[in-house]
Amino acid sequence: MIGFVYLAALLVSLAGLAAIDRTHRLAFWADWRRTALCLGVGVVGFLLWDGAGLALRIFARGDSPHMTGLLLAPELPVEEAVFLTLLCYVALLAWRWFDRAAQGRERERAR
């Protein structure tokens, strides 16, 4: 059971981001297709980066009792893909939030 603690924490964090997204309609609730494409490209890009780092032996999977032990590829744990999704999602939400705030300031100046 302890082997799923990190994965569970990542999934709870993703759920929290989705709640923020839904409340403010920043990404998925504004345009789900564009958001899915953006997250997909980001996650795949980072997974390719990780794959290159693993192939060159720059990266290595560490051992932790809090990880599932499930691998997507040799030395690439499932938790890495979920973490990368979280990373890309939080970056996208932050970008959308700050962009919306900047647009609001521009509208106020135009008045």
N, C-alpha and C. Protein backbone atom coordinates (compact mmCIF):
# COMPACT_ATOMS: atom_id res chain seq x y z
N MET A 1 0.82 -1.20 0.00
CA MET A 1 0.00 0.00 0.00
C MET A 1 0.86 1.26 0.00
N ILE A 2 1.95 1.23 0.74
CA ILE A 2 2.80 2.42 0.81
C ILE A 2 3.43 2.74 -0.55
N GLY A 3 3.48 1.74 -1.43
CA GLY A 3 4.08 1.93 -2.74
C GLY A 3 3.28 2.86 -3.65
N PHE A 4 2.08 3.22 -3.27
CA PHE A 4 1.25 4.09 -4.09
C PHE A 4 1.09 5.49 -3.50
N VAL A 5 1.83 5.81 -2.45
CA VAL A 5 1.68 7.10 -1.78
C VAL A 5 2.04 8.26 -2.70
N TYR A 6 3.16 8.19 -3.38
CA TYR A 6 3.61 9.27 -4.25
C TYR A 6 2.64 9.44 -5.42
N LEU A 7 2.23 8.33 -6.04
CA LEU A 7 1.28 8.39 -7.15
C LEU A 7 -0.04 9.00 -6.68
N ALA A 8 -0.51 8.60 -5.52
CA ALA A 8 -1.75 9.16 -4.98
C ALA A 8 -1.63 10.66 -4.73
N ALA A 9 -0.50 11.09 -4.21
CA ALA A 9 -0.28 12.52 -3.98
C ALA A 9 -0.29 13.30 -5.30
N LEU A 10 0.31 12.73 -6.32
CA LEU A 10 0.30 13.39 -7.63
C LEU A 10 -1.12 13.48 -8.18
N LEU A 11 -1.89 12.41 -8.05
CA LEU A 11 -3.26 12.41 -8.56
C LEU A 11 -4.15 13.38 -7.79
N VAL A 12 -3.96 13.47 -6.48
CA VAL A 12 -4.72 14.44 -5.68
C VAL A 12 -4.35 15.86 -6.12
N SER A 13 -3.08 16.09 -6.38
CA SER A 13 -2.64 17.41 -6.85
C SER A 13 -3.25 17.74 -8.21
N LEU A 14 -3.29 16.77 -9.11
CA LEU A 14 -3.93 16.98 -10.42
C LEU A 14 -5.41 17.30 -10.25
N ALA A 15 -6.07 16.62 -9.33
CA ALA A 15 -7.48 16.89 -9.07
C ALA A 15 -7.68 18.31 -8.55
N GLY A 16 -6.76 18.75 -7.69
CA GLY A 16 -6.83 20.13 -7.19
C GLY A 16 -6.65 21.15 -8.31
N LEU A 17 -5.72 20.88 -9.21
CA LEU A 17 -5.52 21.77 -10.36
C LEU A 17 -6.76 21.78 -11.25
N ALA A 18 -7.38 20.62 -11.44
CA ALA A 18 -8.59 20.56 -12.25
C ALA A 18 -9.72 21.36 -11.61
N ALA A 19 -9.79 21.33 -10.28
CA ALA A 19 -10.81 22.12 -9.58
C ALA A 19 -10.58 23.62 -9.78
N ILE A 20 -9.33 24.04 -9.71
CA ILE A 20 -9.00 25.45 -9.96
C ILE A 20 -9.32 25.80 -11.40
N ASP A 21 -8.97 24.92 -12.31
CA ASP A 21 -9.25 25.13 -13.72
C ASP A 21 -10.75 25.28 -13.96
N ARG A 22 -11.53 24.40 -13.38
CA ARG A 22 -12.98 24.46 -13.58
C ARG A 22 -13.56 25.74 -13.00
N THR A 23 -13.10 26.12 -11.82
CA THR A 23 -13.63 27.32 -11.18
C THR A 23 -13.37 28.57 -12.01
N HIS A 24 -12.17 28.67 -12.56
CA HIS A 24 -11.78 29.89 -13.28
C HIS A 24 -11.81 29.73 -14.80
N ARG A 25 -12.15 28.52 -15.28
CA ARG A 25 -12.23 28.24 -16.72
C ARG A 25 -10.97 28.71 -17.44
N LEU A 26 -9.84 28.17 -16.99
CA LEU A 26 -8.55 28.59 -17.52
C LEU A 26 -8.08 27.76 -18.70
N ALA A 27 -8.27 26.45 -18.66
CA ALA A 27 -7.68 25.59 -19.69
C ALA A 27 -8.71 24.60 -20.22
N PHE A 28 -8.87 23.45 -19.57
CA PHE A 28 -9.80 22.44 -20.06
C PHE A 28 -11.22 22.96 -20.17
N TRP A 29 -11.64 23.78 -19.24
CA TRP A 29 -13.01 24.28 -19.27
C TRP A 29 -13.14 25.52 -20.17
N ALA A 30 -12.05 25.96 -20.74
CA ALA A 30 -12.10 27.04 -21.73
C ALA A 30 -12.02 26.47 -23.15
N ASP A 31 -11.10 25.54 -23.37
CA ASP A 31 -10.92 24.90 -24.69
C ASP A 31 -10.21 23.57 -24.47
N TRP A 32 -10.98 22.50 -24.31
CA TRP A 32 -10.40 21.22 -23.92
C TRP A 32 -9.50 20.64 -25.00
N ARG A 33 -9.81 20.87 -26.27
CA ARG A 33 -8.97 20.31 -27.33
C ARG A 33 -7.58 20.93 -27.34
N ARG A 34 -7.54 22.24 -27.27
CA ARG A 34 -6.25 22.93 -27.28
C ARG A 34 -5.44 22.58 -26.03
N THR A 35 -6.13 22.46 -24.90
CA THR A 35 -5.45 22.11 -23.66
C THR A 35 -4.88 20.70 -23.72
N ALA A 36 -5.67 19.76 -24.23
CA ALA A 36 -5.19 18.37 -24.35
C ALA A 36 -3.99 18.30 -25.28
N LEU A 37 -4.04 19.04 -26.37
CA LEU A 37 -2.90 19.06 -27.30
C LEU A 37 -1.66 19.66 -26.64
N CYS A 38 -1.85 20.76 -25.95
CA CYS A 38 -0.73 21.42 -25.27
C CYS A 38 -0.10 20.51 -24.22
N LEU A 39 -0.93 19.90 -23.39
CA LEU A 39 -0.39 19.00 -22.36
C LEU A 39 0.24 17.77 -22.99
N GLY A 40 -0.38 17.23 -24.01
CA GLY A 40 0.18 16.06 -24.68
C GLY A 40 1.55 16.33 -25.27
N VAL A 41 1.68 17.46 -25.96
CA VAL A 41 2.97 17.81 -26.55
C VAL A 41 4.02 18.03 -25.46
N GLY A 42 3.62 18.71 -24.39
CA GLY A 42 4.56 18.96 -23.30
C GLY A 42 5.02 17.68 -22.62
N VAL A 43 4.09 16.80 -22.30
CA VAL A 43 4.43 15.55 -21.62
C VAL A 43 5.28 14.67 -22.52
N VAL A 44 4.90 14.53 -23.78
CA VAL A 44 5.69 13.71 -24.70
C VAL A 44 7.10 14.29 -24.86
N GLY A 45 7.19 15.62 -24.98
CA GLY A 45 8.51 16.25 -25.08
C GLY A 45 9.38 15.95 -23.88
N PHE A 46 8.81 16.07 -22.69
CA PHE A 46 9.58 15.79 -21.48
C PHE A 46 9.92 14.30 -21.36
N LEU A 47 9.01 13.42 -21.80
CA LEU A 47 9.31 11.99 -21.76
C LEU A 47 10.45 11.65 -22.72
N LEU A 48 10.46 12.28 -23.88
CA LEU A 48 11.58 12.09 -24.81
C LEU A 48 12.89 12.57 -24.19
N TRP A 49 12.81 13.71 -23.52
CA TRP A 49 13.98 14.25 -22.81
C TRP A 49 14.46 13.25 -21.76
N ASP A 50 13.52 12.72 -20.98
CA ASP A 50 13.87 11.72 -19.97
C ASP A 50 14.47 10.47 -20.62
N GLY A 51 13.88 10.03 -21.72
CA GLY A 51 14.40 8.86 -22.42
C GLY A 51 15.82 9.07 -22.89
N ALA A 52 16.10 10.26 -23.41
CA ALA A 52 17.47 10.57 -23.84
C ALA A 52 18.42 10.58 -22.64
N GLY A 53 17.98 11.18 -21.55
CA GLY A 53 18.81 11.21 -20.34
C GLY A 53 19.06 9.83 -19.78
N LEU A 54 18.06 8.97 -19.83
CA LEU A 54 18.24 7.59 -19.37
C LEU A 54 19.17 6.82 -20.29
N ALA A 55 19.01 7.02 -21.60
CA ALA A 55 19.87 6.31 -22.57
C ALA A 55 21.33 6.73 -22.42
N LEU A 56 21.54 7.99 -22.10
CA LEU A 56 22.91 8.50 -21.92
C LEU A 56 23.42 8.30 -20.49
N ARG A 57 22.59 7.68 -19.68
CA ARG A 57 22.91 7.42 -18.27
C ARG A 57 23.17 8.68 -17.46
N ILE A 58 22.49 9.76 -17.87
CA ILE A 58 22.52 11.00 -17.10
C ILE A 58 21.50 10.90 -15.97
N PHE A 59 20.36 10.28 -16.26
CA PHE A 59 19.30 10.07 -15.28
C PHE A 59 19.29 8.61 -14.86
N ALA A 60 18.78 8.37 -13.67
CA ALA A 60 18.59 7.00 -13.20
C ALA A 60 17.39 6.98 -12.26
N ARG A 61 16.70 5.88 -12.25
CA ARG A 61 15.56 5.74 -11.36
C ARG A 61 16.07 5.45 -9.96
N GLY A 62 15.61 6.25 -9.03
CA GLY A 62 15.98 6.00 -7.64
C GLY A 62 15.01 5.01 -7.01
N ASP A 63 15.41 4.45 -5.90
CA ASP A 63 14.54 3.53 -5.18
C ASP A 63 13.85 4.29 -4.06
N SER A 64 12.56 4.05 -3.94
CA SER A 64 11.78 4.65 -2.88
C SER A 64 10.64 3.71 -2.53
N PRO A 65 10.38 3.54 -1.26
CA PRO A 65 9.26 2.67 -0.88
C PRO A 65 7.90 3.31 -1.21
N HIS A 66 7.89 4.60 -1.58
CA HIS A 66 6.65 5.31 -1.86
C HIS A 66 6.23 5.24 -3.32
N MET A 67 7.00 4.55 -4.15
CA MET A 67 6.69 4.43 -5.57
C MET A 67 6.12 3.05 -5.87
N THR A 68 5.33 2.97 -6.93
CA THR A 68 4.64 1.72 -7.26
C THR A 68 5.57 0.63 -7.76
N GLY A 69 6.64 1.00 -8.43
CA GLY A 69 7.51 0.01 -9.06
C GLY A 69 7.08 -0.31 -10.48
N LEU A 70 5.95 0.26 -10.92
CA LEU A 70 5.48 0.07 -12.29
C LEU A 70 6.30 0.96 -13.23
N LEU A 71 6.73 0.40 -14.35
CA LEU A 71 7.59 1.14 -15.27
C LEU A 71 6.92 1.28 -16.63
N LEU A 72 7.08 2.45 -17.25
CA LEU A 72 6.64 2.67 -18.63
C LEU A 72 7.68 2.13 -19.60
N ALA A 73 8.92 2.22 -19.20
CA ALA A 73 10.07 1.75 -19.97
C ALA A 73 11.15 1.43 -18.94
N PRO A 74 12.21 0.77 -19.33
CA PRO A 74 13.27 0.51 -18.35
C PRO A 74 13.74 1.81 -17.70
N GLU A 75 13.71 1.82 -16.39
CA GLU A 75 14.16 2.96 -15.59
C GLU A 75 13.21 4.17 -15.66
N LEU A 76 12.02 4.03 -16.24
CA LEU A 76 11.07 5.15 -16.35
C LEU A 76 9.77 4.78 -15.62
N PRO A 77 9.64 5.24 -14.37
CA PRO A 77 8.46 4.88 -13.58
C PRO A 77 7.19 5.60 -14.07
N VAL A 78 6.06 4.99 -13.81
CA VAL A 78 4.76 5.57 -14.15
C VAL A 78 4.60 6.94 -13.50
N GLU A 79 5.10 7.07 -12.31
CA GLU A 79 4.97 8.33 -11.58
C GLU A 79 5.61 9.50 -12.33
N GLU A 80 6.62 9.22 -13.13
CA GLU A 80 7.29 10.27 -13.89
C GLU A 80 6.33 10.89 -14.90
N ALA A 81 5.57 10.07 -15.59
CA ALA A 81 4.61 10.60 -16.57
C ALA A 81 3.52 11.41 -15.88
N VAL A 82 3.06 10.95 -14.72
CA VAL A 82 2.04 11.69 -13.98
C VAL A 82 2.63 13.00 -13.47
N PHE A 83 3.86 12.96 -12.96
CA PHE A 83 4.51 14.19 -12.51
C PHE A 83 4.68 15.18 -13.66
N LEU A 84 5.08 14.70 -14.82
CA LEU A 84 5.25 15.59 -15.96
C LEU A 84 3.92 16.19 -16.40
N THR A 85 2.86 15.43 -16.30
CA THR A 85 1.53 15.97 -16.59
C THR A 85 1.19 17.08 -15.60
N LEU A 86 1.47 16.83 -14.33
CA LEU A 86 1.25 17.85 -13.30
C LEU A 86 2.07 19.10 -13.58
N LEU A 87 3.32 18.92 -13.92
CA LEU A 87 4.21 20.04 -14.21
C LEU A 87 3.69 20.88 -15.38
N CYS A 88 3.32 20.22 -16.46
CA CYS A 88 2.80 20.93 -17.64
C CYS A 88 1.47 21.61 -17.34
N TYR A 89 0.61 20.96 -16.58
CA TYR A 89 -0.71 21.51 -16.26
C TYR A 89 -0.58 22.75 -15.38
N VAL A 90 0.26 22.67 -14.37
CA VAL A 90 0.41 23.84 -13.49
C VAL A 90 1.05 25.00 -14.25
N ALA A 91 1.97 24.72 -15.15
CA ALA A 91 2.57 25.79 -15.95
C ALA A 91 1.53 26.41 -16.88
N LEU A 92 0.70 25.58 -17.49
CA LEU A 92 -0.35 26.10 -18.37
C LEU A 92 -1.35 26.94 -17.60
N LEU A 93 -1.78 26.47 -16.43
CA LEU A 93 -2.73 27.24 -15.63
C LEU A 93 -2.13 28.56 -15.17
N ALA A 94 -0.88 28.56 -14.78
CA ALA A 94 -0.22 29.80 -14.37
C ALA A 94 -0.15 30.78 -15.54
N TRP A 95 0.22 30.28 -16.71
CA TRP A 95 0.30 31.12 -17.90
C TRP A 95 -1.06 31.75 -18.20
N ARG A 96 -2.11 30.91 -18.20
CA ARG A 96 -3.46 31.40 -18.50
C ARG A 96 -3.93 32.42 -17.46
N TRP A 97 -3.60 32.19 -16.21
CA TRP A 97 -4.01 33.10 -15.13
C TRP A 97 -3.33 34.46 -15.31
N PHE A 98 -2.03 34.45 -15.52
CA PHE A 98 -1.30 35.71 -15.68
C PHE A 98 -1.69 36.42 -16.98
N ASP A 99 -1.95 35.65 -18.04
CA ASP A 99 -2.38 36.25 -19.30
C ASP A 99 -3.74 36.92 -19.12
N ARG A 100 -4.64 36.27 -18.44
CA ARG A 100 -5.96 36.85 -18.19
C ARG A 100 -5.85 38.11 -17.34
N ALA A 101 -4.98 38.09 -16.34
CA ALA A 101 -4.79 39.28 -15.50
C ALA A 101 -4.21 40.43 -16.31
N ALA A 102 -3.28 40.15 -17.19
CA ALA A 102 -2.69 41.19 -18.04
C ALA A 102 -3.72 41.77 -18.98
N GLN A 103 -4.58 40.92 -19.55
CA GLN A 103 -5.63 41.40 -20.44
C GLN A 103 -6.62 42.29 -19.69
N GLY A 104 -6.90 41.95 -18.45
CA GLY A 104 -7.79 42.76 -17.62
C GLY A 104 -7.20 44.14 -17.36
N ARG A 105 -5.91 44.18 -17.10
CA ARG A 105 -5.25 45.47 -16.88
C ARG A 105 -5.26 46.32 -18.15
N GLU A 106 -5.07 45.67 -19.30
CA GLU A 106 -5.09 46.40 -20.57
C GLU A 106 -6.47 47.00 -20.84
N ARG A 107 -7.52 46.23 -20.52
CA ARG A 107 -8.89 46.74 -20.71
C ARG A 107 -9.15 47.94 -19.82
N GLU A 108 -8.64 47.89 -18.57
CA GLU A 108 -8.85 49.01 -17.66
C GLU A 108 -8.12 50.26 -18.14
N ARG A 109 -6.93 50.10 -18.70
CA ARG A 109 -6.19 51.25 -19.22
C ARG A 109 -6.88 51.87 -20.42
N ALA A 110 -7.57 51.02 -21.22
CA ALA A 110 -8.23 51.50 -22.41
C ALA A 110 -9.47 52.35 -22.09
N ARG A 111 -9.98 52.22 -20.91
CA ARG A 111 -11.18 52.98 -20.52
C ARG A 111 -10.88 54.41 -20.32
